[in-house]
N, C-alpha and C. Protein backbone atom coordinates (compact mmCIF):
# COMPACT_ATOMS: atom_id res chain seq x y z
N MET A 1 0.81 -1.21 0.00
CA MET A 1 0.00 0.00 0.00
C MET A 1 0.85 1.26 0.00
N GLY A 2 2.07 1.14 -0.49
CA GLY A 2 2.90 2.33 -0.59
C GLY A 2 3.77 2.53 0.61
N ALA A 3 4.46 3.69 0.67
CA ALA A 3 5.42 3.97 1.74
C ALA A 3 4.73 4.26 3.07
N ASN A 4 3.54 4.83 3.03
CA ASN A 4 2.84 5.14 4.27
C ASN A 4 2.36 3.88 4.97
N THR A 5 2.17 3.98 6.27
CA THR A 5 1.57 2.90 7.04
C THR A 5 0.08 3.17 7.15
N PHE A 6 -0.73 2.17 6.76
CA PHE A 6 -2.18 2.34 6.76
C PHE A 6 -2.82 1.44 7.80
N VAL A 7 -3.98 1.87 8.27
CA VAL A 7 -4.78 1.05 9.17
C VAL A 7 -6.18 0.90 8.59
N ALA A 8 -6.78 -0.27 8.82
CA ALA A 8 -8.15 -0.50 8.36
C ALA A 8 -9.10 0.40 9.15
N ALA A 9 -10.13 0.86 8.48
CA ALA A 9 -11.06 1.81 9.11
C ALA A 9 -12.48 1.55 8.64
N ASP A 10 -13.42 2.15 9.37
CA ASP A 10 -14.83 2.11 9.01
C ASP A 10 -15.32 3.52 8.71
N ILE A 11 -16.35 3.61 7.89
CA ILE A 11 -17.03 4.88 7.68
C ILE A 11 -18.05 4.98 8.80
N TRP A 12 -17.70 5.74 9.85
CA TRP A 12 -18.46 5.71 11.09
C TRP A 12 -19.83 6.36 10.93
N THR A 13 -19.86 7.54 10.35
CA THR A 13 -21.13 8.21 10.13
C THR A 13 -20.93 9.42 9.23
N VAL A 14 -22.02 9.93 8.73
CA VAL A 14 -22.04 11.18 7.96
C VAL A 14 -23.01 12.11 8.66
N ALA A 15 -22.63 13.36 8.85
CA ALA A 15 -23.48 14.28 9.61
C ALA A 15 -23.39 15.69 9.07
N GLN A 16 -24.34 16.50 9.49
CA GLN A 16 -24.35 17.92 9.16
C GLN A 16 -24.00 18.70 10.40
N THR A 17 -23.05 19.63 10.26
CA THR A 17 -22.64 20.47 11.37
C THR A 17 -22.78 21.93 10.97
N ASP A 18 -22.49 22.81 11.91
CA ASP A 18 -22.54 24.24 11.61
C ASP A 18 -21.53 24.64 10.54
N GLN A 19 -20.45 23.85 10.41
CA GLN A 19 -19.41 24.16 9.44
C GLN A 19 -19.61 23.43 8.11
N GLY A 20 -20.64 22.59 8.01
CA GLY A 20 -20.88 21.87 6.77
C GLY A 20 -21.03 20.38 7.02
N ASN A 21 -21.10 19.63 5.94
CA ASN A 21 -21.26 18.18 6.04
C ASN A 21 -19.91 17.52 6.27
N VAL A 22 -19.92 16.48 7.09
CA VAL A 22 -18.68 15.82 7.46
C VAL A 22 -18.89 14.31 7.46
N VAL A 23 -17.88 13.59 6.97
CA VAL A 23 -17.86 12.14 7.09
C VAL A 23 -16.77 11.80 8.10
N LEU A 24 -17.09 10.92 9.03
CA LEU A 24 -16.16 10.55 10.09
C LEU A 24 -15.60 9.16 9.82
N ILE A 25 -14.29 9.08 9.70
CA ILE A 25 -13.60 7.82 9.44
C ILE A 25 -13.01 7.31 10.76
N LYS A 26 -13.37 6.09 11.14
CA LYS A 26 -12.94 5.54 12.43
C LYS A 26 -12.05 4.32 12.21
N PRO A 27 -10.76 4.42 12.54
CA PRO A 27 -9.89 3.24 12.46
C PRO A 27 -10.44 2.11 13.33
N LYS A 28 -10.36 0.89 12.82
CA LYS A 28 -10.84 -0.25 13.60
C LYS A 28 -10.01 -0.40 14.87
N GLU A 29 -10.66 -0.86 15.91
CA GLU A 29 -10.01 -1.06 17.21
C GLU A 29 -9.41 0.24 17.75
N SER A 30 -10.05 1.36 17.44
CA SER A 30 -9.55 2.66 17.89
C SER A 30 -10.71 3.46 18.47
N ASP A 31 -10.38 4.39 19.37
CA ASP A 31 -11.40 5.29 19.91
C ASP A 31 -11.27 6.68 19.31
N MET A 32 -10.64 6.77 18.13
CA MET A 32 -10.46 8.04 17.43
C MET A 32 -11.26 8.03 16.12
N VAL A 33 -11.67 9.22 15.70
CA VAL A 33 -12.28 9.37 14.38
C VAL A 33 -11.60 10.55 13.68
N VAL A 34 -11.56 10.49 12.36
CA VAL A 34 -10.99 11.57 11.56
C VAL A 34 -12.12 12.25 10.78
N PRO A 35 -12.37 13.55 11.00
CA PRO A 35 -13.42 14.25 10.27
C PRO A 35 -12.91 14.75 8.92
N ILE A 36 -13.69 14.48 7.88
CA ILE A 36 -13.38 14.99 6.54
C ILE A 36 -14.61 15.73 6.05
N PHE A 37 -14.49 17.02 5.84
CA PHE A 37 -15.62 17.82 5.39
C PHE A 37 -15.80 17.66 3.88
N ILE A 38 -17.07 17.50 3.47
CA ILE A 38 -17.39 17.23 2.07
C ILE A 38 -18.57 18.10 1.65
N GLY A 39 -18.80 18.19 0.35
CA GLY A 39 -19.89 18.99 -0.18
C GLY A 39 -21.22 18.28 -0.10
N GLN A 40 -22.29 19.02 -0.41
CA GLN A 40 -23.64 18.49 -0.31
C GLN A 40 -23.88 17.34 -1.28
N LEU A 41 -23.44 17.48 -2.53
CA LEU A 41 -23.65 16.42 -3.52
C LEU A 41 -22.88 15.16 -3.14
N GLU A 42 -21.65 15.35 -2.64
CA GLU A 42 -20.85 14.22 -2.21
C GLU A 42 -21.50 13.51 -1.03
N THR A 43 -22.09 14.31 -0.12
CA THR A 43 -22.79 13.74 1.03
C THR A 43 -23.95 12.87 0.57
N GLN A 44 -24.73 13.37 -0.38
CA GLN A 44 -25.87 12.60 -0.89
C GLN A 44 -25.41 11.30 -1.53
N ALA A 45 -24.31 11.37 -2.27
CA ALA A 45 -23.81 10.16 -2.94
C ALA A 45 -23.41 9.10 -1.92
N ILE A 46 -22.77 9.52 -0.84
CA ILE A 46 -22.36 8.56 0.21
C ILE A 46 -23.57 8.01 0.94
N LEU A 47 -24.52 8.88 1.29
CA LEU A 47 -25.71 8.43 2.02
C LEU A 47 -26.54 7.46 1.19
N ILE A 48 -26.64 7.70 -0.10
CA ILE A 48 -27.38 6.78 -0.98
C ILE A 48 -26.72 5.41 -0.96
N GLY A 49 -25.38 5.40 -1.00
CA GLY A 49 -24.65 4.13 -0.95
C GLY A 49 -24.79 3.44 0.39
N LEU A 50 -24.68 4.20 1.47
CA LEU A 50 -24.81 3.61 2.80
C LEU A 50 -26.20 3.03 3.02
N GLY A 51 -27.21 3.72 2.51
CA GLY A 51 -28.59 3.29 2.70
C GLY A 51 -29.06 2.25 1.69
N LYS A 52 -28.18 1.90 0.75
CA LYS A 52 -28.54 0.93 -0.29
C LYS A 52 -29.83 1.35 -1.00
N VAL A 53 -29.93 2.64 -1.27
CA VAL A 53 -31.11 3.17 -1.93
C VAL A 53 -31.06 2.82 -3.42
N GLU A 54 -32.12 2.20 -3.91
CA GLU A 54 -32.19 1.83 -5.33
C GLU A 54 -32.66 3.04 -6.14
N MET A 55 -31.84 3.40 -7.12
CA MET A 55 -32.17 4.53 -7.98
C MET A 55 -32.74 4.01 -9.30
N PRO A 56 -33.63 4.78 -9.93
CA PRO A 56 -34.21 4.32 -11.20
C PRO A 56 -33.18 4.18 -12.31
N ARG A 57 -32.14 4.99 -12.26
CA ARG A 57 -31.04 4.87 -13.21
C ARG A 57 -29.73 4.97 -12.43
N PRO A 58 -28.66 4.34 -12.92
CA PRO A 58 -27.40 4.36 -12.17
C PRO A 58 -26.81 5.76 -12.09
N LEU A 59 -26.36 6.13 -10.89
CA LEU A 59 -25.64 7.38 -10.72
C LEU A 59 -24.18 7.17 -11.12
N THR A 60 -23.40 8.23 -11.06
CA THR A 60 -22.01 8.18 -11.56
C THR A 60 -21.20 7.07 -10.90
N HIS A 61 -21.30 6.96 -9.56
CA HIS A 61 -20.50 5.94 -8.87
C HIS A 61 -20.98 4.53 -9.21
N ASP A 62 -22.29 4.37 -9.39
CA ASP A 62 -22.82 3.07 -9.81
C ASP A 62 -22.33 2.72 -11.21
N LEU A 63 -22.34 3.71 -12.09
CA LEU A 63 -21.88 3.50 -13.46
C LEU A 63 -20.42 3.06 -13.48
N PHE A 64 -19.59 3.70 -12.64
CA PHE A 64 -18.17 3.35 -12.58
C PHE A 64 -18.00 1.89 -12.15
N LEU A 65 -18.72 1.49 -11.10
CA LEU A 65 -18.59 0.11 -10.61
C LEU A 65 -19.15 -0.89 -11.61
N ASN A 66 -20.24 -0.54 -12.28
CA ASN A 66 -20.79 -1.43 -13.30
C ASN A 66 -19.80 -1.62 -14.45
N THR A 67 -19.11 -0.54 -14.81
CA THR A 67 -18.12 -0.62 -15.87
C THR A 67 -16.97 -1.54 -15.46
N LEU A 68 -16.49 -1.38 -14.23
CA LEU A 68 -15.43 -2.27 -13.73
C LEU A 68 -15.87 -3.73 -13.82
N PHE A 69 -17.09 -4.01 -13.36
CA PHE A 69 -17.60 -5.37 -13.35
C PHE A 69 -17.62 -5.96 -14.76
N ASN A 70 -18.06 -5.16 -15.70
CA ASN A 70 -18.16 -5.66 -17.08
C ASN A 70 -16.81 -5.87 -17.74
N PHE A 71 -15.79 -5.25 -17.18
CA PHE A 71 -14.42 -5.47 -17.68
C PHE A 71 -13.70 -6.53 -16.84
N GLY A 72 -14.42 -7.18 -15.95
CA GLY A 72 -13.83 -8.24 -15.16
C GLY A 72 -12.94 -7.75 -14.04
N ALA A 73 -13.18 -6.52 -13.58
CA ALA A 73 -12.36 -5.95 -12.50
C ALA A 73 -13.27 -5.62 -11.32
N GLU A 74 -12.65 -5.25 -10.19
CA GLU A 74 -13.42 -4.90 -9.01
C GLU A 74 -12.67 -3.87 -8.18
N LEU A 75 -13.41 -3.17 -7.33
CA LEU A 75 -12.79 -2.23 -6.38
C LEU A 75 -12.28 -3.04 -5.20
N ALA A 76 -10.97 -3.12 -5.06
CA ALA A 76 -10.38 -3.93 -3.99
C ALA A 76 -10.42 -3.21 -2.65
N ARG A 77 -10.09 -1.93 -2.65
CA ARG A 77 -10.06 -1.15 -1.41
C ARG A 77 -9.86 0.32 -1.78
N ILE A 78 -10.04 1.19 -0.78
CA ILE A 78 -9.68 2.60 -0.96
C ILE A 78 -8.68 2.97 0.13
N GLU A 79 -7.87 3.96 -0.17
CA GLU A 79 -6.86 4.42 0.77
C GLU A 79 -6.95 5.94 0.88
N ILE A 80 -7.14 6.44 2.09
CA ILE A 80 -7.03 7.88 2.35
C ILE A 80 -5.57 8.10 2.72
N THR A 81 -4.84 8.71 1.82
CA THR A 81 -3.37 8.61 1.85
C THR A 81 -2.66 9.74 2.58
N GLU A 82 -3.15 10.96 2.45
CA GLU A 82 -2.41 12.08 3.04
C GLU A 82 -3.27 13.33 3.06
N ILE A 83 -2.78 14.32 3.79
CA ILE A 83 -3.35 15.65 3.73
C ILE A 83 -2.23 16.61 3.38
N ARG A 84 -2.45 17.40 2.33
CA ARG A 84 -1.41 18.30 1.85
C ARG A 84 -2.06 19.62 1.46
N ASP A 85 -1.49 20.72 1.96
CA ASP A 85 -2.05 22.04 1.69
C ASP A 85 -3.54 22.08 2.06
N LYS A 86 -3.86 21.50 3.23
CA LYS A 86 -5.21 21.51 3.79
C LYS A 86 -6.21 20.71 2.95
N THR A 87 -5.71 19.82 2.10
CA THR A 87 -6.57 19.01 1.25
C THR A 87 -6.26 17.53 1.46
N PHE A 88 -7.32 16.73 1.64
CA PHE A 88 -7.16 15.29 1.76
C PHE A 88 -6.98 14.67 0.37
N TYR A 89 -6.17 13.61 0.32
CA TYR A 89 -5.95 12.86 -0.92
C TYR A 89 -6.26 11.39 -0.67
N ALA A 90 -6.71 10.72 -1.73
CA ALA A 90 -7.06 9.32 -1.61
C ALA A 90 -6.73 8.59 -2.91
N LYS A 91 -6.79 7.27 -2.83
CA LYS A 91 -6.59 6.42 -4.00
C LYS A 91 -7.64 5.31 -3.96
N ILE A 92 -8.09 4.91 -5.15
CA ILE A 92 -8.90 3.71 -5.25
C ILE A 92 -8.02 2.63 -5.87
N ILE A 93 -8.10 1.44 -5.31
CA ILE A 93 -7.28 0.33 -5.78
C ILE A 93 -8.18 -0.65 -6.53
N ILE A 94 -7.92 -0.79 -7.83
CA ILE A 94 -8.70 -1.64 -8.70
C ILE A 94 -7.96 -2.96 -8.90
N LYS A 95 -8.67 -4.07 -8.75
CA LYS A 95 -8.09 -5.39 -8.98
C LYS A 95 -8.64 -5.96 -10.28
N ARG A 96 -7.74 -6.20 -11.24
CA ARG A 96 -8.14 -6.75 -12.52
C ARG A 96 -8.40 -8.25 -12.42
N GLY A 97 -8.97 -8.80 -13.47
CA GLY A 97 -9.26 -10.22 -13.48
C GLY A 97 -8.03 -11.10 -13.38
N ASP A 98 -6.88 -10.58 -13.84
CA ASP A 98 -5.64 -11.36 -13.76
C ASP A 98 -4.92 -11.18 -12.42
N GLY A 99 -5.57 -10.44 -11.49
CA GLY A 99 -4.98 -10.26 -10.17
C GLY A 99 -4.13 -9.02 -10.02
N LEU A 100 -3.82 -8.34 -11.10
CA LEU A 100 -3.00 -7.13 -11.04
C LEU A 100 -3.80 -6.00 -10.42
N GLU A 101 -3.17 -5.24 -9.51
CA GLU A 101 -3.83 -4.12 -8.88
C GLU A 101 -3.37 -2.80 -9.49
N LEU A 102 -4.31 -1.91 -9.72
CA LEU A 102 -4.04 -0.59 -10.26
C LEU A 102 -4.46 0.46 -9.25
N SER A 103 -3.65 1.50 -9.08
CA SER A 103 -3.93 2.57 -8.13
C SER A 103 -4.31 3.83 -8.91
N ILE A 104 -5.47 4.42 -8.56
CA ILE A 104 -5.98 5.60 -9.25
C ILE A 104 -6.24 6.70 -8.24
N ASP A 105 -5.73 7.91 -8.50
CA ASP A 105 -5.97 9.04 -7.61
C ASP A 105 -7.46 9.38 -7.56
N SER A 106 -7.91 9.80 -6.39
CA SER A 106 -9.33 10.09 -6.21
C SER A 106 -9.51 11.10 -5.09
N ARG A 107 -10.61 11.82 -5.13
CA ARG A 107 -11.02 12.59 -3.96
C ARG A 107 -11.50 11.60 -2.91
N PRO A 108 -11.27 11.88 -1.62
CA PRO A 108 -11.77 10.96 -0.59
C PRO A 108 -13.28 10.75 -0.67
N SER A 109 -14.04 11.80 -0.96
CA SER A 109 -15.50 11.66 -1.01
C SER A 109 -15.93 10.69 -2.10
N ASP A 110 -15.30 10.74 -3.28
CA ASP A 110 -15.63 9.80 -4.34
C ASP A 110 -15.21 8.38 -3.98
N ALA A 111 -14.02 8.27 -3.38
CA ALA A 111 -13.54 6.95 -2.97
C ALA A 111 -14.49 6.33 -1.94
N ILE A 112 -14.95 7.14 -0.99
CA ILE A 112 -15.87 6.63 0.03
C ILE A 112 -17.21 6.24 -0.58
N ALA A 113 -17.71 7.06 -1.50
CA ALA A 113 -18.98 6.74 -2.17
C ALA A 113 -18.89 5.43 -2.93
N LEU A 114 -17.73 5.14 -3.51
CA LEU A 114 -17.53 3.87 -4.19
C LEU A 114 -17.43 2.72 -3.19
N ALA A 115 -16.70 2.95 -2.10
CA ALA A 115 -16.47 1.89 -1.12
C ALA A 115 -17.77 1.41 -0.47
N VAL A 116 -18.67 2.34 -0.15
CA VAL A 116 -19.91 1.93 0.50
C VAL A 116 -20.80 1.13 -0.44
N ARG A 117 -20.69 1.37 -1.74
CA ARG A 117 -21.47 0.61 -2.70
C ARG A 117 -20.87 -0.77 -2.95
N ALA A 118 -19.55 -0.84 -3.03
CA ALA A 118 -18.88 -2.09 -3.34
C ALA A 118 -18.54 -2.90 -2.10
N LEU A 119 -18.84 -2.36 -0.92
CA LEU A 119 -18.47 -2.99 0.35
C LEU A 119 -16.96 -3.26 0.40
N ALA A 120 -16.21 -2.29 -0.12
CA ALA A 120 -14.75 -2.41 -0.16
C ALA A 120 -14.13 -1.93 1.14
N GLN A 121 -12.98 -2.48 1.47
CA GLN A 121 -12.29 -2.09 2.69
C GLN A 121 -11.74 -0.67 2.57
N VAL A 122 -11.78 0.03 3.69
CA VAL A 122 -11.27 1.41 3.78
C VAL A 122 -9.99 1.40 4.60
N TYR A 123 -8.97 2.08 4.11
CA TYR A 123 -7.73 2.25 4.85
C TYR A 123 -7.41 3.73 4.95
N ILE A 124 -6.77 4.11 6.05
CA ILE A 124 -6.36 5.51 6.24
C ILE A 124 -4.94 5.53 6.78
N ALA A 125 -4.16 6.51 6.34
CA ALA A 125 -2.77 6.62 6.78
C ALA A 125 -2.70 6.91 8.27
N GLU A 126 -1.81 6.21 8.95
CA GLU A 126 -1.68 6.37 10.40
C GLU A 126 -1.33 7.80 10.79
N ASP A 127 -0.50 8.47 9.98
CA ASP A 127 -0.10 9.82 10.35
C ASP A 127 -1.27 10.79 10.30
N ILE A 128 -2.28 10.52 9.45
CA ILE A 128 -3.48 11.36 9.44
C ILE A 128 -4.25 11.17 10.74
N VAL A 129 -4.37 9.92 11.18
CA VAL A 129 -5.07 9.63 12.43
C VAL A 129 -4.36 10.29 13.61
N GLU A 130 -3.04 10.20 13.62
CA GLU A 130 -2.28 10.78 14.72
C GLU A 130 -2.39 12.30 14.75
N THR A 131 -2.46 12.91 13.57
CA THR A 131 -2.50 14.37 13.49
C THR A 131 -3.90 14.94 13.69
N LEU A 132 -4.91 14.29 13.11
CA LEU A 132 -6.25 14.87 13.07
C LEU A 132 -7.30 14.07 13.82
N GLY A 133 -6.91 12.94 14.39
CA GLY A 133 -7.88 12.11 15.08
C GLY A 133 -8.49 12.81 16.28
N VAL A 134 -9.80 12.65 16.45
CA VAL A 134 -10.54 13.23 17.57
C VAL A 134 -11.18 12.07 18.34
N PRO A 135 -11.10 12.05 19.68
CA PRO A 135 -11.72 10.96 20.44
C PRO A 135 -13.22 10.86 20.18
N VAL A 136 -13.70 9.62 20.02
CA VAL A 136 -15.12 9.38 19.79
C VAL A 136 -15.96 9.96 20.92
N ASP A 137 -15.52 9.76 22.16
CA ASP A 137 -16.29 10.25 23.30
C ASP A 137 -16.41 11.76 23.30
N MET A 138 -15.39 12.45 22.77
CA MET A 138 -15.44 13.90 22.71
C MET A 138 -16.58 14.35 21.79
N ILE A 139 -16.74 13.65 20.69
CA ILE A 139 -17.80 14.00 19.74
C ILE A 139 -19.16 13.69 20.34
N ARG A 140 -19.29 12.53 20.97
CA ARG A 140 -20.57 12.17 21.57
C ARG A 140 -20.94 13.13 22.70
N ASP A 141 -19.94 13.51 23.51
CA ASP A 141 -20.19 14.44 24.60
C ASP A 141 -20.65 15.79 24.07
N SER A 142 -20.01 16.26 23.04
CA SER A 142 -20.37 17.57 22.50
C SER A 142 -21.78 17.56 21.94
N GLN A 143 -22.19 16.44 21.35
CA GLN A 143 -23.55 16.35 20.82
C GLN A 143 -24.57 16.38 21.95
N ALA A 144 -24.31 15.57 22.99
CA ALA A 144 -25.30 15.40 24.03
C ALA A 144 -25.44 16.63 24.91
N SER A 145 -24.33 17.32 25.16
CA SER A 145 -24.39 18.42 26.11
C SER A 145 -24.65 19.78 25.49
N PHE A 146 -24.27 19.96 24.24
CA PHE A 146 -24.40 21.29 23.64
C PHE A 146 -25.33 21.34 22.43
N GLU A 147 -25.68 20.18 21.88
CA GLU A 147 -26.62 20.08 20.77
C GLU A 147 -26.25 21.01 19.63
N GLN A 148 -25.00 20.98 19.24
CA GLN A 148 -24.54 21.80 18.11
C GLN A 148 -24.65 20.97 16.83
N GLY A 149 -25.34 21.50 15.80
CA GLY A 149 -25.48 20.77 14.56
C GLY A 149 -26.36 19.55 14.75
N SER A 150 -26.25 18.58 13.82
CA SER A 150 -27.04 17.37 13.89
C SER A 150 -26.34 16.34 14.76
N TYR A 151 -27.11 15.54 15.48
CA TYR A 151 -26.51 14.46 16.26
C TYR A 151 -25.87 13.45 15.32
N LEU A 152 -24.67 13.00 15.67
CA LEU A 152 -23.98 12.03 14.84
C LEU A 152 -24.44 10.61 15.17
N ASP A 153 -24.84 10.37 16.38
CA ASP A 153 -25.17 9.00 16.79
C ASP A 153 -26.15 9.07 17.96
N ASN A 154 -27.42 9.30 17.66
CA ASN A 154 -28.41 9.51 18.72
C ASN A 154 -28.55 8.31 19.64
N GLU A 155 -28.34 7.10 19.12
CA GLU A 155 -28.56 5.90 19.92
C GLU A 155 -27.43 5.63 20.89
N ASN A 156 -26.33 6.33 20.74
CA ASN A 156 -25.17 6.07 21.57
C ASN A 156 -24.69 7.29 22.32
N ARG A 157 -25.62 8.14 22.72
CA ARG A 157 -25.23 9.29 23.53
C ARG A 157 -24.70 8.81 24.88
N PRO A 158 -23.70 9.47 25.43
CA PRO A 158 -23.17 9.05 26.72
C PRO A 158 -24.15 9.38 27.83
N PRO A 159 -24.13 8.60 28.93
CA PRO A 159 -24.98 8.94 30.07
C PRO A 159 -24.60 10.27 30.66
N ALA A 160 -25.53 10.87 31.41
CA ALA A 160 -25.32 12.23 31.92
C ALA A 160 -24.09 12.33 32.81
N ASP A 161 -23.75 11.25 33.54
CA ASP A 161 -22.61 11.36 34.44
C ASP A 161 -21.28 11.34 33.72
N ASN A 162 -21.31 11.14 32.38
CA ASN A 162 -20.08 11.19 31.61
C ASN A 162 -19.82 12.57 31.00
N LEU A 163 -20.76 13.48 31.18
CA LEU A 163 -20.61 14.80 30.59
C LEU A 163 -19.60 15.63 31.37
N PRO A 164 -19.06 16.70 30.76
CA PRO A 164 -18.08 17.53 31.45
C PRO A 164 -18.64 18.10 32.74
N LYS A 165 -17.79 18.23 33.74
CA LYS A 165 -18.20 18.83 35.01
C LYS A 165 -18.61 20.29 34.78
N LYS A 166 -19.48 20.78 35.65
CA LYS A 166 -20.05 22.11 35.49
C LYS A 166 -18.97 23.17 35.41
N GLU A 167 -17.93 23.02 36.25
CA GLU A 167 -16.91 24.06 36.29
C GLU A 167 -16.06 24.12 35.02
N THR A 168 -16.09 23.04 34.23
CA THR A 168 -15.30 23.04 32.99
C THR A 168 -16.17 23.14 31.75
N SER A 169 -17.50 23.11 31.91
CA SER A 169 -18.38 23.01 30.75
C SER A 169 -18.27 24.20 29.82
N GLU A 170 -18.12 25.42 30.36
CA GLU A 170 -18.04 26.59 29.50
C GLU A 170 -16.77 26.56 28.65
N GLU A 171 -15.66 26.21 29.28
CA GLU A 171 -14.41 26.11 28.52
C GLU A 171 -14.50 24.98 27.50
N TYR A 172 -15.10 23.86 27.91
CA TYR A 172 -15.27 22.72 27.01
C TYR A 172 -16.11 23.13 25.80
N LYS A 173 -17.21 23.83 26.05
CA LYS A 173 -18.08 24.27 24.96
C LYS A 173 -17.33 25.18 24.00
N ARG A 174 -16.55 26.09 24.56
CA ARG A 174 -15.79 27.02 23.72
C ARG A 174 -14.77 26.27 22.86
N LEU A 175 -14.06 25.31 23.47
CA LEU A 175 -13.04 24.58 22.73
C LEU A 175 -13.65 23.70 21.63
N VAL A 176 -14.80 23.09 21.93
CA VAL A 176 -15.48 22.28 20.92
C VAL A 176 -15.87 23.14 19.73
N ALA A 177 -16.43 24.32 20.01
CA ALA A 177 -16.83 25.22 18.93
C ALA A 177 -15.61 25.66 18.11
N GLU A 178 -14.51 25.96 18.80
CA GLU A 178 -13.29 26.38 18.09
C GLU A 178 -12.71 25.23 17.27
N LEU A 179 -12.80 24.00 17.81
CA LEU A 179 -12.31 22.84 17.07
C LEU A 179 -13.11 22.62 15.80
N GLU A 180 -14.45 22.70 15.91
CA GLU A 180 -15.29 22.52 14.73
C GLU A 180 -15.00 23.59 13.68
N ALA A 181 -14.80 24.83 14.14
CA ALA A 181 -14.50 25.91 13.22
C ALA A 181 -13.15 25.71 12.55
N ALA A 182 -12.16 25.26 13.32
CA ALA A 182 -10.81 25.04 12.77
C ALA A 182 -10.83 23.96 11.70
N VAL A 183 -11.53 22.86 11.97
CA VAL A 183 -11.61 21.79 10.98
C VAL A 183 -12.39 22.25 9.76
N GLY A 184 -13.50 22.97 10.01
CA GLY A 184 -14.29 23.49 8.90
C GLY A 184 -13.51 24.45 8.02
N ASN A 185 -12.58 25.19 8.62
CA ASN A 185 -11.73 26.12 7.87
C ASN A 185 -10.45 25.45 7.38
N GLU A 186 -10.34 24.13 7.61
CA GLU A 186 -9.19 23.33 7.19
C GLU A 186 -7.89 23.82 7.82
N ASN A 187 -8.00 24.37 9.04
CA ASN A 187 -6.83 24.78 9.79
C ASN A 187 -6.47 23.62 10.73
N TYR A 188 -5.82 22.61 10.18
CA TYR A 188 -5.62 21.37 10.91
C TYR A 188 -4.54 21.49 11.99
N GLU A 189 -3.62 22.41 11.82
CA GLU A 189 -2.61 22.62 12.86
C GLU A 189 -3.28 23.13 14.14
N LEU A 190 -4.16 24.13 13.98
CA LEU A 190 -4.90 24.64 15.14
C LEU A 190 -5.84 23.57 15.69
N ALA A 191 -6.47 22.78 14.81
CA ALA A 191 -7.38 21.73 15.27
C ALA A 191 -6.66 20.73 16.15
N ALA A 192 -5.43 20.39 15.81
CA ALA A 192 -4.67 19.43 16.62
C ALA A 192 -4.39 20.00 18.01
N ILE A 193 -4.08 21.29 18.07
CA ILE A 193 -3.81 21.94 19.36
C ILE A 193 -5.07 21.95 20.22
N LEU A 194 -6.21 22.30 19.61
CA LEU A 194 -7.47 22.34 20.35
C LEU A 194 -7.89 20.95 20.80
N ARG A 195 -7.65 19.96 19.95
CA ARG A 195 -7.97 18.58 20.32
C ARG A 195 -7.22 18.16 21.58
N ASP A 196 -5.93 18.51 21.63
CA ASP A 196 -5.12 18.14 22.80
C ASP A 196 -5.62 18.85 24.06
N LYS A 197 -6.06 20.11 23.92
CA LYS A 197 -6.60 20.82 25.07
C LYS A 197 -7.89 20.17 25.56
N LEU A 198 -8.72 19.72 24.62
CA LEU A 198 -9.98 19.07 24.99
C LEU A 198 -9.72 17.75 25.71
N LYS A 199 -8.71 17.03 25.27
CA LYS A 199 -8.39 15.75 25.92
C LYS A 199 -8.11 15.94 27.41
N LYS A 200 -7.48 17.04 27.76
CA LYS A 200 -7.12 17.28 29.15
C LYS A 200 -8.35 17.55 30.03
N LEU A 201 -9.46 17.93 29.38
CA LEU A 201 -10.68 18.20 30.15
C LEU A 201 -11.52 16.96 30.35
N LEU A 202 -11.21 15.89 29.62
CA LEU A 202 -12.05 14.67 29.68
C LEU A 202 -11.57 13.76 30.79
């Protein structure tokens, strides 16, 4: 999978926030998620794939996968490879009928939309997780206590005794809002600093 070290991951959820639509990538066996902000059309494409919604005619991602199938190839996996100049990069890995694998550059949103349709494995570079990963509990806590944006996982809200203590709640609320804004503005250096500050409050 190249020079980078990758870890298997799941597409944890897609949600709407004050800063826009976001897809959360969760490495397997990890309590961290990586937020990737995407456009409205890309969000719809991923949600249609996740929901297995049958369309009257194939959409672009369906057409691509149908074409692969008819040429005797398949989507083997996708890789979210790096972030450069505040932009995420990804690759789709195509496996031909003879077993040869081909790597094609892709936007992460397109790669994810393909993966959810093909049930292909998702991989993400470890250094992205280390740099931009946010604790799952931090996201759940922010949803339950401050109700900012749409809930990411209503069925798994933390119990009330897991919420921030009263004396830290105002600072926690401020840091969560600043973190969401930093990620939404693709200021990932600031987001990493804010994430570390939030960890100390949990």
